[in-house]
């Protein structure tokens, strides 16, 4: 199951991308597909036809995992 994630890179804007599996603690890099800025625009430091990028983990501050569509549809307890 692919995950949508937000990578917070040191000294750069956040990057939204997809990964097949989340990185494990011993991983030294993360391979992502379809990288783009949070607003959907292309990343200025990548060539136009790039679909996959490998980022070294030491350059990342943290990674956010975005909810899937199924998780967004779950209705939680609402108190009225």
Protein backbone atom coordinates (compact mmCIF):
# COMPACT_ATOMS: atom_id res chain seq x y z
CA UNK A 1 0.00 0.00 0.00
CA UNK A 2 1.59 3.32 -1.02
CA UNK A 3 1.82 6.08 1.58
CA UNK A 4 1.67 9.81 0.92
CA UNK A 5 4.28 11.60 2.99
CA UNK A 6 5.65 15.09 3.58
CA UNK A 7 9.44 15.30 3.86
CA UNK A 8 10.82 18.23 5.83
CA UNK A 9 14.30 18.75 4.39
CA UNK A 10 16.91 20.89 6.16
CA UNK A 11 17.10 24.31 4.52
CA UNK A 12 14.44 23.54 1.87
CA UNK A 13 10.68 23.70 1.47
CA UNK A 14 8.63 20.65 2.40
CA UNK A 15 8.24 17.96 -0.28
CA UNK A 16 5.14 15.80 -0.80
CA UNK A 17 5.73 12.36 -2.31
CA UNK A 18 4.66 8.74 -2.24
CA UNK A 19 6.53 5.71 -0.85
CA UNK A 20 5.76 2.00 -1.06
CA UNK A 21 6.83 1.40 2.53
CA UNK A 22 7.80 3.64 5.41
CA UNK A 23 11.49 3.81 6.34
CA UNK A 24 12.80 1.65 9.17
CA UNK A 25 15.10 3.03 11.91
CA UNK A 26 18.34 1.62 10.41
CA UNK A 27 17.64 3.05 6.90
CA UNK A 28 20.13 5.65 5.64
CA UNK A 29 18.00 6.86 2.71
CA UNK A 30 14.40 7.04 1.54
CA UNK A 31 13.25 6.48 -2.04
CA UNK A 32 10.17 8.48 -3.05
CA UNK A 33 8.12 8.78 -6.22
CA UNK A 34 6.29 11.77 -7.69
CA UNK A 35 8.07 14.44 -5.58
CA UNK A 36 6.50 17.92 -5.60
CA UNK A 37 6.09 20.97 -3.41
CA UNK A 38 3.20 21.08 -0.95
CA UNK A 39 1.31 23.40 -3.32
CA UNK A 40 1.71 20.85 -6.15
CA UNK A 41 4.34 22.72 -8.16
CA UNK A 42 7.56 21.15 -9.43
CA UNK A 43 10.73 21.22 -7.37
CA UNK A 44 13.19 23.77 -8.81
CA UNK A 45 16.24 21.58 -8.15
CA UNK A 46 14.97 18.52 -10.07
CA UNK A 47 14.90 17.95 -13.82
CA UNK A 48 11.49 17.94 -15.49
CA UNK A 49 11.22 14.20 -16.14
CA UNK A 50 12.32 12.95 -12.70
CA UNK A 51 9.82 10.54 -11.14
CA UNK A 52 11.90 8.93 -8.38
CA UNK A 53 14.31 10.57 -5.93
CA UNK A 54 16.50 9.10 -3.18
CA UNK A 55 16.96 11.42 -0.19
CA UNK A 56 19.60 10.75 2.50
CA UNK A 57 18.01 10.48 5.94
CA UNK A 58 20.62 12.76 7.54
CA UNK A 59 19.17 15.70 5.52
CA UNK A 60 15.61 15.20 6.84
CA UNK A 61 14.27 16.89 9.97
CA UNK A 62 11.18 14.68 10.09
CA UNK A 63 8.61 12.85 7.94
CA UNK A 64 4.83 13.31 8.13
CA UNK A 65 2.59 10.43 7.04
CA UNK A 66 -0.63 11.74 5.48
CA UNK A 67 -3.88 9.87 6.10
CA UNK A 68 -5.25 7.62 3.39
CA UNK A 69 -8.68 8.21 1.91
CA UNK A 70 -10.10 5.32 3.95
CA UNK A 71 -8.77 6.88 7.17
CA UNK A 72 -10.25 10.27 6.24
CA UNK A 73 -13.72 8.73 5.88
CA UNK A 74 -13.75 7.27 9.39
CA UNK A 75 -16.21 9.19 11.51
CA UNK A 76 -15.03 9.69 15.05
CA UNK A 77 -17.01 10.37 18.21
CA UNK A 78 -18.70 13.77 18.03
CA UNK A 79 -20.19 15.33 21.11
CA UNK A 80 -23.07 17.71 20.53
